[in-house]
């Protein structure tokens, strides 16, 4: 149970930031390089990489390096985890 709680905490922490949500939205269109993902954001690459690490630690994305290019892809199973948690707590918000 503790592992699930940590995982759920990481899941919602990752979703709490608009930059990370935007990254997930972009990755919903398909895999992208770190450079492609970072381009729309006005921040240093090191700061952007911290966002990717949060998403990867929470299981929202995977990344692979080929030569000098790191490519990220979304892990859609995480959406099911969030949906299951919301569904299991629906009695809290249904009339």
PDB file of N, CA and C in Angstrom:
ATOM      1  N   UNK A   1       0.822  -1.203   0.000  1.00  0.00           N
ATOM      2  CA  UNK A   1       0.000   0.000   0.000  1.00  0.00           C
ATOM      3  C   UNK A   1       0.858   1.255   0.000  1.00  0.00           C
ATOM      4  N   UNK A   2       1.938   1.265   0.760  1.00  0.00           N
ATOM      5  CA  UNK A   2       2.808   2.439   0.805  1.00  0.00           C
ATOM      6  C   UNK A   2       3.392   2.733  -0.562  1.00  0.00           C
ATOM      7  N   UNK A   3       3.771   1.684  -1.320  1.00  0.00           N
ATOM      8  CA  UNK A   3       4.305   1.900  -2.652  1.00  0.00           C
ATOM      9  C   UNK A   3       3.268   2.539  -3.568  1.00  0.00           C
ATOM     10  N   UNK A   4       2.003   2.086  -3.451  1.00  0.00           N
ATOM     11  CA  UNK A   4       0.946   2.674  -4.254  1.00  0.00           C
ATOM     12  C   UNK A   4       0.732   4.130  -3.882  1.00  0.00           C
ATOM     13  N   UNK A   5       0.806   4.465  -2.594  1.00  0.00           N
ATOM     14  CA  UNK A   5       0.622   5.840  -2.152  1.00  0.00           C
ATOM     15  C   UNK A   5       1.728   6.732  -2.700  1.00  0.00           C
ATOM     16  N   UNK A   6       2.943   6.258  -2.645  1.00  0.00           N
ATOM     17  CA  UNK A   6       4.056   7.039  -3.197  1.00  0.00           C
ATOM     18  C   UNK A   6       3.854   7.221  -4.685  1.00  0.00           C
ATOM     19  N   UNK A   7       3.481   6.179  -5.372  1.00  0.00           N
ATOM     20  CA  UNK A   7       3.254   6.261  -6.805  1.00  0.00           C
ATOM     21  C   UNK A   7       2.134   7.247  -7.129  1.00  0.00           C
ATOM     22  N   UNK A   8       1.053   7.190  -6.364  1.00  0.00           N
ATOM     23  CA  UNK A   8      -0.053   8.110  -6.588  1.00  0.00           C
ATOM     24  C   UNK A   8       0.367   9.543  -6.269  1.00  0.00           C
ATOM     25  N   UNK A   9       1.147   9.730  -5.207  1.00  0.00           N
ATOM     26  CA  UNK A   9       1.663  11.062  -4.888  1.00  0.00           C
ATOM     27  C   UNK A   9       2.512  11.594  -6.037  1.00  0.00           C
ATOM     28  N   UNK A  10       3.405  10.760  -6.555  1.00  0.00           N
ATOM     29  CA  UNK A  10       4.250  11.164  -7.683  1.00  0.00           C
ATOM     30  C   UNK A  10       3.408  11.481  -8.917  1.00  0.00           C
ATOM     31  N   UNK A  11       2.360  10.692  -9.114  1.00  0.00           N
ATOM     32  CA  UNK A  11       1.480  10.899 -10.261  1.00  0.00           C
ATOM     33  C   UNK A  11       0.832  12.277 -10.211  1.00  0.00           C
ATOM     34  N   UNK A  12       0.241  12.607  -9.061  1.00  0.00           N
ATOM     35  CA  UNK A  12      -0.437  13.898  -8.954  1.00  0.00           C
ATOM     36  C   UNK A  12       0.555  15.064  -8.877  1.00  0.00           C
ATOM     37  N   UNK A  13       1.717  14.841  -8.286  1.00  0.00           N
ATOM     38  CA  UNK A  13       2.752  15.877  -8.289  1.00  0.00           C
ATOM     39  C   UNK A  13       3.154  16.215  -9.719  1.00  0.00           C
ATOM     40  N   UNK A  14       3.318  15.200 -10.526  1.00  0.00           N
ATOM     41  CA  UNK A  14       3.701  15.429 -11.920  1.00  0.00           C
ATOM     42  C   UNK A  14       2.633  16.217 -12.671  1.00  0.00           C
ATOM     43  N   UNK A  15       1.375  15.949 -12.381  1.00  0.00           N
ATOM     44  CA  UNK A  15       0.277  16.640 -13.062  1.00  0.00           C
ATOM     45  C   UNK A  15       0.012  18.036 -12.520  1.00  0.00           C
ATOM     46  N   UNK A  16       0.578  18.361 -11.379  1.00  0.00           N
ATOM     47  CA  UNK A  16       0.290  19.635 -10.722  1.00  0.00           C
ATOM     48  C   UNK A  16       0.905  20.838 -11.436  1.00  0.00           C
ATOM     49  N   UNK A  17       1.843  20.609 -12.318  1.00  0.00           N
ATOM     50  CA  UNK A  17       2.556  21.717 -12.957  1.00  0.00           C
ATOM     51  C   UNK A  17       2.100  21.901 -14.407  1.00  0.00           C
ATOM     52  N   UNK A  18       1.776  23.131 -14.817  1.00  0.00           N
ATOM     53  CA  UNK A  18       1.294  23.350 -16.190  1.00  0.00           C
ATOM     54  C   UNK A  18       2.336  23.017 -17.265  1.00  0.00           C
ATOM     55  N   UNK A  19       3.602  23.198 -16.973  1.00  0.00           N
ATOM     56  CA  UNK A  19       4.639  22.834 -17.946  1.00  0.00           C
ATOM     57  C   UNK A  19       4.622  21.334 -18.189  1.00  0.00           C
ATOM     58  N   UNK A  20       4.515  20.563 -17.127  1.00  0.00           N
ATOM     59  CA  UNK A  20       4.503  19.108 -17.282  1.00  0.00           C
ATOM     60  C   UNK A  20       3.229  18.641 -17.992  1.00  0.00           C
ATOM     61  N   UNK A  21       2.104  19.280 -17.705  1.00  0.00           N
ATOM     62  CA  UNK A  21       0.871  18.923 -18.413  1.00  0.00           C
ATOM     63  C   UNK A  21       0.997  19.246 -19.901  1.00  0.00           C
ATOM     64  N   UNK A  22       1.651  20.355 -20.227  1.00  0.00           N
ATOM     65  CA  UNK A  22       1.866  20.719 -21.626  1.00  0.00           C
ATOM     66  C   UNK A  22       2.787  19.708 -22.319  1.00  0.00           C
ATOM     67  N   UNK A  23       3.792  19.241 -21.605  1.00  0.00           N
ATOM     68  CA  UNK A  23       4.692  18.221 -22.167  1.00  0.00           C
ATOM     69  C   UNK A  23       3.895  16.958 -22.474  1.00  0.00           C
ATOM     70  N   UNK A  24       3.046  16.531 -21.538  1.00  0.00           N
ATOM     71  CA  UNK A  24       2.235  15.336 -21.770  1.00  0.00           C
ATOM     72  C   UNK A  24       1.292  15.536 -22.953  1.00  0.00           C
ATOM     73  N   UNK A  25       0.705  16.726 -23.069  1.00  0.00           N
ATOM     74  CA  UNK A  25      -0.180  17.007 -24.206  1.00  0.00           C
ATOM     75  C   UNK A  25       0.580  16.884 -25.518  1.00  0.00           C
ATOM     76  N   UNK A  26       1.785  17.443 -25.547  1.00  0.00           N
ATOM     77  CA  UNK A  26       2.597  17.334 -26.770  1.00  0.00           C
ATOM     78  C   UNK A  26       2.946  15.883 -27.071  1.00  0.00           C
ATOM     79  N   UNK A  27       3.330  15.123 -26.048  1.00  0.00           N
ATOM     80  CA  UNK A  27       3.700  13.728 -26.264  1.00  0.00           C
ATOM     81  C   UNK A  27       2.500  12.864 -26.647  1.00  0.00           C
ATOM     82  N   UNK A  28       1.301  13.343 -26.390  1.00  0.00           N
ATOM     83  CA  UNK A  28       0.106  12.652 -26.847  1.00  0.00           C
ATOM     84  C   UNK A  28       0.019  12.581 -28.365  1.00  0.00           C
ATOM     85  N   UNK A  29       0.755  13.455 -29.036  1.00  0.00           N
ATOM     86  CA  UNK A  29       0.811  13.467 -30.503  1.00  0.00           C
ATOM     87  C   UNK A  29       1.876  12.517 -31.041  1.00  0.00           C
ATOM     88  N   UNK A  30       2.728  12.026 -30.148  1.00  0.00           N
ATOM     89  CA  UNK A  30       3.789  11.112 -30.556  1.00  0.00           C
ATOM     90  C   UNK A  30       5.099  11.473 -29.885  1.00  0.00           C
ATOM     91  N   UNK A  31       6.084  10.574 -29.956  1.00  0.00           N
ATOM     92  CA  UNK A  31       7.382  10.814 -29.329  1.00  0.00           C
ATOM     93  C   UNK A  31       8.047  12.085 -29.869  1.00  0.00           C
ATOM     94  N   UNK A  32       8.900  12.682 -29.040  1.00  0.00           N
ATOM     95  CA  UNK A  32       9.609  13.898 -29.437  1.00  0.00           C
ATOM     96  C   UNK A  32      10.955  13.956 -28.724  1.00  0.00           C
ATOM     97  N   UNK A  33      11.885  14.637 -29.355  1.00  0.00           N
ATOM     98  CA  UNK A  33      13.196  14.828 -28.735  1.00  0.00           C
ATOM     99  C   UNK A  33      13.074  15.863 -27.622  1.00  0.00           C
ATOM    100  N   UNK A  34      14.036  15.857 -26.730  1.00  0.00           N
ATOM    101  CA  UNK A  34      14.062  16.841 -25.650  1.00  0.00           C
ATOM    102  C   UNK A  34      14.082  18.250 -26.232  1.00  0.00           C
ATOM    103  N   UNK A  35      14.852  18.454 -27.280  1.00  0.00           N
ATOM    104  CA  UNK A  35      14.916  19.768 -27.925  1.00  0.00           C
ATOM    105  C   UNK A  35      13.572  20.224 -28.460  1.00  0.00           C
ATOM    106  N   UNK A  36      12.843  19.306 -29.084  1.00  0.00           N
ATOM    107  CA  UNK A  36      11.512  19.631 -29.602  1.00  0.00           C
ATOM    108  C   UNK A  36      10.555  19.960 -28.463  1.00  0.00           C
ATOM    109  N   UNK A  37      10.651  19.197 -27.390  1.00  0.00           N
ATOM    110  CA  UNK A  37       9.769  19.436 -26.242  1.00  0.00           C
ATOM    111  C   UNK A  37      10.083  20.757 -25.552  1.00  0.00           C
ATOM    112  N   UNK A  38      11.355  21.097 -25.462  1.00  0.00           N
ATOM    113  CA  UNK A  38      11.780  22.294 -24.739  1.00  0.00           C
ATOM    114  C   UNK A  38      11.542  23.575 -25.533  1.00  0.00           C
ATOM    115  N   UNK A  39      11.489  23.487 -26.848  1.00  0.00           N
ATOM    116  CA  UNK A  39      11.427  24.682 -27.704  1.00  0.00           C
ATOM    117  C   UNK A  39      10.345  25.695 -27.316  1.00  0.00           C
ATOM    118  N   UNK A  40       9.116  25.293 -27.001  1.00  0.00           N
ATOM    119  CA  UNK A  40       8.078  26.292 -26.698  1.00  0.00           C
ATOM    120  C   UNK A  40       8.225  26.986 -25.343  1.00  0.00           C
ATOM    121  N   UNK A  41       9.139  26.525 -24.515  1.00  0.00           N
ATOM    122  CA  UNK A  41       9.226  27.043 -23.150  1.00  0.00           C
ATOM    123  C   UNK A  41      10.412  27.989 -22.995  1.00  0.00           C
ATOM    124  N   UNK A  42      10.163  29.073 -22.288  1.00  0.00           N
ATOM    125  CA  UNK A  42      11.195  30.079 -22.038  1.00  0.00           C
ATOM    126  C   UNK A  42      11.878  29.764 -20.710  1.00  0.00           C
ATOM    127  N   UNK A  43      12.738  28.736 -20.739  1.00  0.00           N
ATOM    128  CA  UNK A  43      13.479  28.362 -19.539  1.00  0.00           C
ATOM    129  C   UNK A  43      14.771  27.683 -19.971  1.00  0.00           C
ATOM    130  N   UNK A  44      15.709  27.669 -19.063  1.00  0.00           N
ATOM    131  CA  UNK A  44      16.983  27.009 -19.330  1.00  0.00           C
ATOM    132  C   UNK A  44      16.743  25.507 -19.499  1.00  0.00           C
ATOM    133  N   UNK A  45      17.577  24.875 -20.307  1.00  0.00           N
ATOM    134  CA  UNK A  45      17.428  23.446 -20.544  1.00  0.00           C
ATOM    135  C   UNK A  45      17.557  22.640 -19.254  1.00  0.00           C
ATOM    136  N   UNK A  46      18.421  23.059 -18.353  1.00  0.00           N
ATOM    137  CA  UNK A  46      18.558  22.330 -17.084  1.00  0.00           C
ATOM    138  C   UNK A  46      17.258  22.374 -16.284  1.00  0.00           C
ATOM    139  N   UNK A  47      16.571  23.504 -16.301  1.00  0.00           N
ATOM    140  CA  UNK A  47      15.272  23.605 -15.617  1.00  0.00           C
ATOM    141  C   UNK A  47      14.235  22.726 -16.303  1.00  0.00           C
ATOM    142  N   UNK A  48      14.256  22.716 -17.613  1.00  0.00           N
ATOM    143  CA  UNK A  48      13.311  21.889 -18.362  1.00  0.00           C
ATOM    144  C   UNK A  48      13.546  20.409 -18.087  1.00  0.00           C
ATOM    145  N   UNK A  49      14.803  20.022 -17.995  1.00  0.00           N
ATOM    146  CA  UNK A  49      15.143  18.624 -17.732  1.00  0.00           C
ATOM    147  C   UNK A  49      14.600  18.164 -16.382  1.00  0.00           C
ATOM    148  N   UNK A  50      14.517  19.075 -15.417  1.00  0.00           N
ATOM    149  CA  UNK A  50      13.942  18.714 -14.120  1.00  0.00           C
ATOM    150  C   UNK A  50      12.479  18.298 -14.272  1.00  0.00           C
ATOM    151  N   UNK A  51      11.766  18.986 -15.158  1.00  0.00           N
ATOM    152  CA  UNK A  51      10.367  18.616 -15.422  1.00  0.00           C
ATOM    153  C   UNK A  51      10.294  17.213 -16.029  1.00  0.00           C
ATOM    154  N   UNK A  52      11.184  16.929 -16.961  1.00  0.00           N
ATOM    155  CA  UNK A  52      11.191  15.598 -17.570  1.00  0.00           C
ATOM    156  C   UNK A  52      11.514  14.516 -16.544  1.00  0.00           C
ATOM    157  N   UNK A  53      12.427  14.818 -15.628  1.00  0.00           N
ATOM    158  CA  UNK A  53      12.776  13.839 -14.591  1.00  0.00           C
ATOM    159  C   UNK A  53      11.586  13.548 -13.685  1.00  0.00           C
ATOM    160  N   UNK A  54      10.818  14.579 -13.340  1.00  0.00           N
ATOM    161  CA  UNK A  54       9.616  14.374 -12.515  1.00  0.00           C
ATOM    162  C   UNK A  54       8.632  13.473 -13.251  1.00  0.00           C
ATOM    163  N   UNK A  55       8.417  13.748 -14.535  1.00  0.00           N
ATOM    164  CA  UNK A  55       7.490  12.938 -15.324  1.00  0.00           C
ATOM    165  C   UNK A  55       7.981  11.499 -15.464  1.00  0.00           C
ATOM    166  N   UNK A  56       9.269  11.333 -15.653  1.00  0.00           N
ATOM    167  CA  UNK A  56       9.816   9.982 -15.810  1.00  0.00           C
ATOM    168  C   UNK A  56       9.767   9.216 -14.486  1.00  0.00           C
ATOM    169  N   UNK A  57      10.100   9.876 -13.394  1.00  0.00           N
ATOM    170  CA  UNK A  57      10.056   9.233 -12.078  1.00  0.00           C
ATOM    171  C   UNK A  57       8.627   8.789 -11.736  1.00  0.00           C
ATOM    172  N   UNK A  58       7.642   9.574 -12.151  1.00  0.00           N
ATOM    173  CA  UNK A  58       6.246   9.247 -11.876  1.00  0.00           C
ATOM    174  C   UNK A  58       5.682   8.236 -12.873  1.00  0.00           C
ATOM    175  N   UNK A  59       6.463   7.865 -13.859  1.00  0.00           N
ATOM    176  CA  UNK A  59       6.020   6.871 -14.826  1.00  0.00           C
ATOM    177  C   UNK A  59       5.177   7.406 -15.964  1.00  0.00           C
ATOM    178  N   UNK A  60       5.126   8.729 -16.123  1.00  0.00           N
ATOM    179  CA  UNK A  60       4.329   9.334 -17.197  1.00  0.00           C
ATOM    180  C   UNK A  60       5.023   9.271 -18.542  1.00  0.00           C
ATOM    181  N   UNK A  61       6.358   9.271 -18.533  1.00  0.00           N
ATOM    182  CA  UNK A  61       7.098   9.226 -19.791  1.00  0.00           C
ATOM    183  C   UNK A  61       8.253   8.235 -19.686  1.00  0.00           C
ATOM    184  N   UNK A  62       8.720   7.814 -20.846  1.00  0.00           N
ATOM    185  CA  UNK A  62       9.960   7.059 -20.950  1.00  0.00           C
ATOM    186  C   UNK A  62      10.878   7.863 -21.859  1.00  0.00           C
ATOM    187  N   UNK A  63      12.168   7.614 -21.742  1.00  0.00           N
ATOM    188  CA  UNK A  63      13.098   8.278 -22.641  1.00  0.00           C
ATOM    189  C   UNK A  63      14.187   7.295 -23.056  1.00  0.00           C
ATOM    190  N   UNK A  64      14.701   7.524 -24.232  1.00  0.00           N
ATOM    191  CA  UNK A  64      15.778   6.688 -24.764  1.00  0.00           C
ATOM    192  C   UNK A  64      16.749   7.591 -25.509  1.00  0.00           C
ATOM    193  N   UNK A  65      18.011   7.266 -25.398  1.00  0.00           N
ATOM    194  CA  UNK A  65      19.036   8.084 -26.037  1.00  0.00           C
ATOM    195  C   UNK A  65      19.598   7.333 -27.239  1.00  0.00           C
ATOM    196  N   UNK A  66      19.665   8.026 -28.353  1.00  0.00           N
ATOM    197  CA  UNK A  66      20.261   7.482 -29.570  1.00  0.00           C
ATOM    198  C   UNK A  66      21.287   8.496 -30.046  1.00  0.00           C
ATOM    199  N   UNK A  67      22.559   8.169 -29.852  1.00  0.00           N
ATOM    200  CA  UNK A  67      23.603   9.145 -30.157  1.00  0.00           C
ATOM    201  C   UNK A  67      23.515  10.295 -29.177  1.00  0.00           C
ATOM    202  N   UNK A  68      23.343  11.492 -29.716  1.00  0.00           N
ATOM    203  CA  UNK A  68      23.244  12.676 -28.866  1.00  0.00           C
ATOM    204  C   UNK A  68      21.808  13.123 -28.635  1.00  0.00           C
ATOM    205  N   UNK A  69      20.856  12.380 -29.168  1.00  0.00           N
ATOM    206  CA  UNK A  69      19.448  12.788 -29.095  1.00  0.00           C
ATOM    207  C   UNK A  69      18.696  11.901 -28.113  1.00  0.00           C
ATOM    208  N   UNK A  70      18.044  12.542 -27.140  1.00  0.00           N
ATOM    209  CA  UNK A  70      17.180  11.829 -26.200  1.00  0.00           C
ATOM    210  C   UNK A  70      15.736  12.056 -26.643  1.00  0.00           C
ATOM    211  N   UNK A  71      15.015  10.957 -26.845  1.00  0.00           N
ATOM    212  CA  UNK A  71      13.628  11.012 -27.285  1.00  0.00           C
ATOM    213  C   UNK A  71      12.724  10.537 -26.159  1.00  0.00           C
ATOM    214  N   UNK A  72      11.625  11.251 -25.964  1.00  0.00           N
ATOM    215  CA  UNK A  72      10.664  10.923 -24.917  1.00  0.00           C
ATOM    216  C   UNK A  72       9.365  10.441 -25.544  1.00  0.00           C
ATOM    217  N   UNK A  73       8.678   9.568 -24.807  1.00  0.00           N
ATOM    218  CA  UNK A  73       7.372   9.063 -25.229  1.00  0.00           C
ATOM    219  C   UNK A  73       6.471   8.986 -24.005  1.00  0.00           C
ATOM    220  N   UNK A  74       5.181   9.150 -24.227  1.00  0.00           N
ATOM    221  CA  UNK A  74       4.205   9.111 -23.136  1.00  0.00           C
ATOM    222  C   UNK A  74       3.881   7.659 -22.764  1.00  0.00           C
ATOM    223  N   UNK A  75       3.559   7.447 -21.503  1.00  0.00           N
ATOM    224  CA  UNK A  75       3.111   6.145 -21.003  1.00  0.00           C
ATOM    225  C   UNK A  75       1.636   6.312 -20.661  1.00  0.00           C
ATOM    226  N   UNK A  76       0.783   5.813 -21.508  1.00  0.00           N
ATOM    227  CA  UNK A  76      -0.652   6.074 -21.356  1.00  0.00           C
ATOM    228  C   UNK A  76      -1.286   5.323 -20.186  1.00  0.00           C
ATOM    229  N   UNK A  77      -0.627   4.295 -19.664  1.00  0.00           N
ATOM    230  CA  UNK A  77      -1.178   3.555 -18.522  1.00  0.00           C
ATOM    231  C   UNK A  77      -1.407   4.448 -17.304  1.00  0.00           C
ATOM    232  N   UNK A  78      -0.642   5.499 -17.159  1.00  0.00           N
ATOM    233  CA  UNK A  78      -0.775   6.384 -15.999  1.00  0.00           C
ATOM    234  C   UNK A  78      -2.153   7.040 -15.970  1.00  0.00           C
ATOM    235  N   UNK A  79      -2.738   7.301 -17.138  1.00  0.00           N
ATOM    236  CA  UNK A  79      -4.071   7.893 -17.167  1.00  0.00           C
ATOM    237  C   UNK A  79      -5.087   6.948 -16.535  1.00  0.00           C
ATOM    238  N   UNK A  80      -4.923   5.656 -16.756  1.00  0.00           N
ATOM    239  CA  UNK A  80      -5.823   4.672 -16.156  1.00  0.00           C
ATOM    240  C   UNK A  80      -5.691   4.689 -14.642  1.00  0.00           C
ATOM    241  N   UNK A  81      -4.464   4.870 -14.132  1.00  0.00           N
ATOM    242  CA  UNK A  81      -4.254   4.938 -12.684  1.00  0.00           C
ATOM    243  C   UNK A  81      -5.001   6.121 -12.075  1.00  0.00           C
ATOM    244  N   UNK A  82      -4.920   7.261 -12.733  1.00  0.00           N
ATOM    245  CA  UNK A  82      -5.617   8.454 -12.235  1.00  0.00           C
ATOM    246  C   UNK A  82      -7.130   8.230 -12.315  1.00  0.00           C
ATOM    247  N   UNK A  83      -7.577   7.690 -13.442  1.00  0.00           N
ATOM    248  CA  UNK A  83      -9.000   7.416 -13.607  1.00  0.00           C
ATOM    249  C   UNK A  83      -9.528   6.455 -12.556  1.00  0.00           C
ATOM    250  N   UNK A  84      -8.753   5.422 -12.243  1.00  0.00           N
ATOM    251  CA  UNK A  84      -9.173   4.448 -11.232  1.00  0.00           C
ATOM    252  C   UNK A  84      -9.276   5.104  -9.861  1.00  0.00           C
ATOM    253  N   UNK A  85      -8.329   5.975  -9.536  1.00  0.00           N
ATOM    254  CA  UNK A  85      -8.384   6.644  -8.233  1.00  0.00           C
ATOM    255  C   UNK A  85      -9.614   7.553  -8.156  1.00  0.00           C
ATOM    256  N   UNK A  86      -9.840   8.343  -9.199  1.00  0.00           N
ATOM    257  CA  UNK A  86     -11.006   9.240  -9.208  1.00  0.00           C
ATOM    258  C   UNK A  86     -12.286   8.417  -9.127  1.00  0.00           C
ATOM    259  N   UNK A  87     -12.367   7.355  -9.887  1.00  0.00           N
ATOM    260  CA  UNK A  87     -13.557   6.509  -9.878  1.00  0.00           C
ATOM    261  C   UNK A  87     -13.807   5.916  -8.494  1.00  0.00           C
ATOM    262  N   UNK A  88     -12.753   5.477  -7.842  1.00  0.00           N
ATOM    263  CA  UNK A  88     -12.921   4.873  -6.520  1.00  0.00           C
ATOM    264  C   UNK A  88     -13.345   5.881  -5.458  1.00  0.00           C
ATOM    265  N   UNK A  89     -13.179   7.169  -5.742  1.00  0.00           N
ATOM    266  CA  UNK A  89     -13.554   8.215  -4.792  1.00  0.00           C
ATOM    267  C   UNK A  89     -14.760   9.029  -5.267  1.00  0.00           C
ATOM    268  N   UNK A  90     -15.466   8.509  -6.245  1.00  0.00           N
ATOM    269  CA  UNK A  90     -16.576   9.271  -6.829  1.00  0.00           C
ATOM    270  C   UNK A  90     -17.681   9.574  -5.834  1.00  0.00           C
ATOM    271  N   UNK A  91     -17.829   8.761  -4.813  1.00  0.00           N
ATOM    272  CA  UNK A  91     -18.874   8.998  -3.793  1.00  0.00           C
ATOM    273  C   UNK A  91     -18.655  10.329  -3.072  1.00  0.00           C
ATOM    274  N   UNK A  92     -17.435  10.822  -3.085  1.00  0.00           N
ATOM    275  CA  UNK A  92     -17.137  12.099  -2.424  1.00  0.00           C
ATOM    276  C   UNK A  92     -17.730  13.287  -3.154  1.00  0.00           C
ATOM    277  N   UNK A  93     -17.907  13.153  -4.463  1.00  0.00           N
ATOM    278  CA  UNK A  93     -18.359  14.325  -5.224  1.00  0.00           C
ATOM    279  C   UNK A  93     -19.670  14.104  -5.968  1.00  0.00           C
ATOM    280  N   UNK A  94     -20.240  12.920  -5.868  1.00  0.00           N
ATOM    281  CA  UNK A  94     -21.560  12.694  -6.490  1.00  0.00           C
ATOM    282  C   UNK A  94     -22.661  13.022  -5.486  1.00  0.00           C
ATOM    283  N   UNK A  95     -23.756  13.603  -5.965  1.00  0.00           N
ATOM    284  CA  UNK A  95     -24.853  13.932  -5.043  1.00  0.00           C
ATOM    285  C   UNK A  95     -25.550  12.708  -4.489  1.00  0.00           C
TER     286      UNK A  95
END
